[in-house]
Structure formats: C-alpha cells, structure tokens
Amino acid sequence: MQKTVTISGTYAAWTLTLSVDLPEEQVEEPITEWPHKIDRVAEFFYDMVNCCEDARDAQLALNGRR
C-alpha cells in the first residue's frame, strides 16, 4: 500500500511517498487500510515544505534578489 503527497512549491516540486509492505513472514492479519495516524506524517511534510520555502525566500531577500 502506498500513499504519495505532492506539493508544487515556488522553488521545487516536493514529493513524499510512504509505503506499507507486508512482512516476509506474515504472522497476523495484514493491514488492509491506511492507518489514520500516518496522516500526521503528511501534515508534518506540508509544514516542513513551508519552512524550507520560507527559508529560501528569506535567503533571497537577504541577498537582494527578492
């Protein structure tokens, strides 16, 4: 099972792909739906991208390019 989050930023195209794979030796029932707690990873990814893009804006402003 995979979940991909893509963000079109000003300075880059950002992509995060999370994958949930079955273990080699399956002992219990497999995961059949995406765990909701993992959605927080996508929220963190959005925050991280915003911080990176804002840092780039600040860097360009300091260098007089923006």
N, C-alpha and C. Protein backbone atom coordinates (compact mmCIF):
# COMPACT_ATOMS: atom_id res chain seq x y z
N MET A 1 0.85 -1.15 0.00
CA MET A 1 0.00 0.00 0.00
C MET A 1 0.90 1.22 0.00
N GLN A 2 0.61 2.21 -0.81
CA GLN A 2 1.40 3.43 -0.88
C GLN A 2 0.51 4.66 -0.79
N LYS A 3 1.09 5.70 -0.25
CA LYS A 3 0.41 7.00 -0.22
C LYS A 3 1.45 8.04 -0.62
N THR A 4 1.10 8.86 -1.59
CA THR A 4 2.03 9.88 -2.08
C THR A 4 1.42 11.26 -1.87
N VAL A 5 2.25 12.16 -1.34
CA VAL A 5 1.85 13.55 -1.16
C VAL A 5 2.77 14.39 -2.05
N THR A 6 2.18 15.21 -2.92
CA THR A 6 2.96 16.06 -3.81
C THR A 6 2.57 17.51 -3.58
N ILE A 7 3.59 18.37 -3.47
CA ILE A 7 3.36 19.79 -3.27
C ILE A 7 4.15 20.54 -4.34
N SER A 8 3.47 21.41 -5.07
CA SER A 8 4.14 22.26 -6.04
C SER A 8 4.54 23.55 -5.34
N GLY A 9 5.80 23.66 -5.00
CA GLY A 9 6.29 24.84 -4.32
C GLY A 9 6.82 25.86 -5.30
N THR A 10 7.27 26.97 -4.78
CA THR A 10 7.84 28.02 -5.60
C THR A 10 9.20 27.61 -6.13
N TYR A 11 9.98 26.92 -5.29
CA TYR A 11 11.36 26.61 -5.63
C TYR A 11 11.61 25.15 -5.99
N ALA A 12 10.63 24.29 -5.74
CA ALA A 12 10.82 22.86 -6.02
C ALA A 12 9.46 22.16 -6.08
N ALA A 13 9.46 21.02 -6.72
CA ALA A 13 8.30 20.12 -6.66
C ALA A 13 8.64 19.08 -5.59
N TRP A 14 7.85 19.03 -4.56
CA TRP A 14 8.13 18.19 -3.40
C TRP A 14 7.24 16.96 -3.44
N THR A 15 7.83 15.78 -3.22
CA THR A 15 7.06 14.54 -3.21
C THR A 15 7.51 13.67 -2.05
N LEU A 16 6.55 13.16 -1.31
CA LEU A 16 6.81 12.21 -0.23
C LEU A 16 5.96 10.98 -0.51
N THR A 17 6.61 9.82 -0.56
CA THR A 17 5.89 8.57 -0.77
C THR A 17 6.11 7.67 0.44
N LEU A 18 5.01 7.27 1.05
CA LEU A 18 5.04 6.33 2.18
C LEU A 18 4.54 4.99 1.69
N SER A 19 5.18 3.95 2.18
CA SER A 19 4.83 2.62 1.74
C SER A 19 4.65 1.69 2.93
N VAL A 20 3.60 0.91 2.92
CA VAL A 20 3.37 -0.11 3.94
C VAL A 20 3.39 -1.45 3.21
N ASP A 21 4.39 -2.25 3.52
CA ASP A 21 4.55 -3.55 2.88
C ASP A 21 4.35 -4.67 3.88
N LEU A 22 3.92 -5.81 3.38
CA LEU A 22 3.75 -6.98 4.24
C LEU A 22 5.11 -7.53 4.64
N PRO A 23 5.24 -8.02 5.86
CA PRO A 23 6.49 -8.65 6.26
C PRO A 23 6.68 -9.96 5.51
N GLU A 24 7.93 -10.42 5.45
CA GLU A 24 8.21 -11.67 4.75
C GLU A 24 7.44 -12.83 5.36
N GLU A 25 7.49 -12.91 6.67
CA GLU A 25 6.75 -13.97 7.36
C GLU A 25 5.52 -13.37 8.01
N GLN A 26 4.41 -13.56 7.38
CA GLN A 26 3.17 -12.97 7.87
C GLN A 26 2.61 -13.83 8.99
N VAL A 27 2.52 -13.23 10.19
CA VAL A 27 2.03 -13.95 11.36
C VAL A 27 0.58 -13.58 11.65
N GLU A 28 0.27 -12.31 11.44
CA GLU A 28 -1.08 -11.83 11.74
C GLU A 28 -1.75 -11.32 10.48
N GLU A 29 -2.99 -10.88 10.64
CA GLU A 29 -3.75 -10.33 9.52
C GLU A 29 -3.00 -9.13 8.94
N PRO A 30 -2.95 -9.00 7.62
CA PRO A 30 -2.27 -7.84 7.02
C PRO A 30 -3.08 -6.56 7.20
N ILE A 31 -2.39 -5.45 7.10
CA ILE A 31 -3.06 -4.14 7.14
C ILE A 31 -3.78 -3.98 5.81
N THR A 32 -5.07 -3.71 5.87
CA THR A 32 -5.85 -3.58 4.63
C THR A 32 -6.30 -2.15 4.35
N GLU A 33 -6.16 -1.28 5.33
CA GLU A 33 -6.46 0.12 5.07
C GLU A 33 -5.40 0.99 5.72
N TRP A 34 -5.24 2.17 5.17
CA TRP A 34 -4.17 3.08 5.60
C TRP A 34 -4.41 3.51 7.04
N PRO A 35 -3.42 3.32 7.94
CA PRO A 35 -3.58 3.75 9.34
C PRO A 35 -3.74 5.28 9.42
N HIS A 36 -4.79 5.74 10.10
CA HIS A 36 -5.08 7.17 10.15
C HIS A 36 -4.00 7.98 10.86
N LYS A 37 -3.28 7.36 11.79
CA LYS A 37 -2.22 8.09 12.49
C LYS A 37 -1.10 8.52 11.55
N ILE A 38 -0.94 7.82 10.44
CA ILE A 38 0.12 8.16 9.49
C ILE A 38 -0.20 9.45 8.75
N ASP A 39 -1.47 9.86 8.75
CA ASP A 39 -1.83 11.13 8.10
C ASP A 39 -1.06 12.30 8.72
N ARG A 40 -0.64 12.16 9.97
CA ARG A 40 0.15 13.22 10.61
C ARG A 40 1.48 13.43 9.90
N VAL A 41 2.01 12.37 9.29
CA VAL A 41 3.26 12.50 8.54
C VAL A 41 3.07 13.46 7.38
N ALA A 42 1.94 13.37 6.70
CA ALA A 42 1.65 14.29 5.59
C ALA A 42 1.54 15.73 6.10
N GLU A 43 0.91 15.93 7.25
CA GLU A 43 0.81 17.27 7.83
C GLU A 43 2.20 17.81 8.15
N PHE A 44 3.06 16.97 8.72
CA PHE A 44 4.43 17.37 9.02
C PHE A 44 5.17 17.72 7.73
N PHE A 45 4.94 16.95 6.67
CA PHE A 45 5.59 17.20 5.39
C PHE A 45 5.21 18.57 4.85
N TYR A 46 3.92 18.92 4.92
CA TYR A 46 3.47 20.25 4.48
C TYR A 46 4.18 21.35 5.28
N ASP A 47 4.26 21.15 6.61
CA ASP A 47 4.93 22.15 7.46
C ASP A 47 6.41 22.27 7.09
N MET A 48 7.07 21.15 6.86
CA MET A 48 8.49 21.15 6.50
C MET A 48 8.72 21.87 5.17
N VAL A 49 7.87 21.59 4.19
CA VAL A 49 7.99 22.25 2.89
C VAL A 49 7.80 23.75 3.05
N ASN A 50 6.80 24.16 3.81
CA ASN A 50 6.57 25.60 4.04
C ASN A 50 7.79 26.25 4.69
N CYS A 51 8.39 25.58 5.68
CA CYS A 51 9.58 26.13 6.33
C CYS A 51 10.74 26.25 5.34
N CYS A 52 10.95 25.24 4.52
CA CYS A 52 12.03 25.28 3.53
C CYS A 52 11.81 26.38 2.51
N GLU A 53 10.58 26.51 2.04
CA GLU A 53 10.28 27.55 1.05
C GLU A 53 10.41 28.94 1.67
N ASP A 54 9.97 29.10 2.92
CA ASP A 54 10.11 30.39 3.61
C ASP A 54 11.58 30.72 3.85
N ALA A 55 12.38 29.72 4.19
CA ALA A 55 13.82 29.95 4.40
C ALA A 55 14.48 30.40 3.10
N ARG A 56 14.05 29.81 1.99
CA ARG A 56 14.59 30.21 0.68
C ARG A 56 14.20 31.65 0.36
N ASP A 57 12.94 32.02 0.65
CA ASP A 57 12.50 33.41 0.46
C ASP A 57 13.38 34.37 1.27
N ALA A 58 13.63 34.01 2.53
CA ALA A 58 14.43 34.86 3.40
C ALA A 58 15.87 34.98 2.89
N GLN A 59 16.41 33.87 2.44
CA GLN A 59 17.77 33.88 1.91
C GLN A 59 17.87 34.79 0.68
N LEU A 60 16.90 34.69 -0.21
CA LEU A 60 16.91 35.53 -1.41
C LEU A 60 16.71 37.00 -1.04
N ALA A 61 15.88 37.26 -0.04
CA ALA A 61 15.66 38.65 0.39
C ALA A 61 16.94 39.24 0.96
N LEU A 62 17.67 38.45 1.72
CA LEU A 62 18.95 38.93 2.28
C LEU A 62 19.99 39.21 1.20
N ASN A 63 19.92 38.43 0.15
CA ASN A 63 20.86 38.60 -0.96
C ASN A 63 20.38 39.66 -1.97
N GLY A 64 19.23 40.28 -1.70
CA GLY A 64 18.71 41.33 -2.57
C GLY A 64 18.11 40.83 -3.87
N ARG A 65 17.75 39.57 -3.92
CA ARG A 65 17.16 39.01 -5.15
C ARG A 65 15.64 38.95 -5.10
N ARG A 66 15.07 39.33 -4.02
CA ARG A 66 13.62 39.23 -3.90
C ARG A 66 13.07 40.42 -3.17
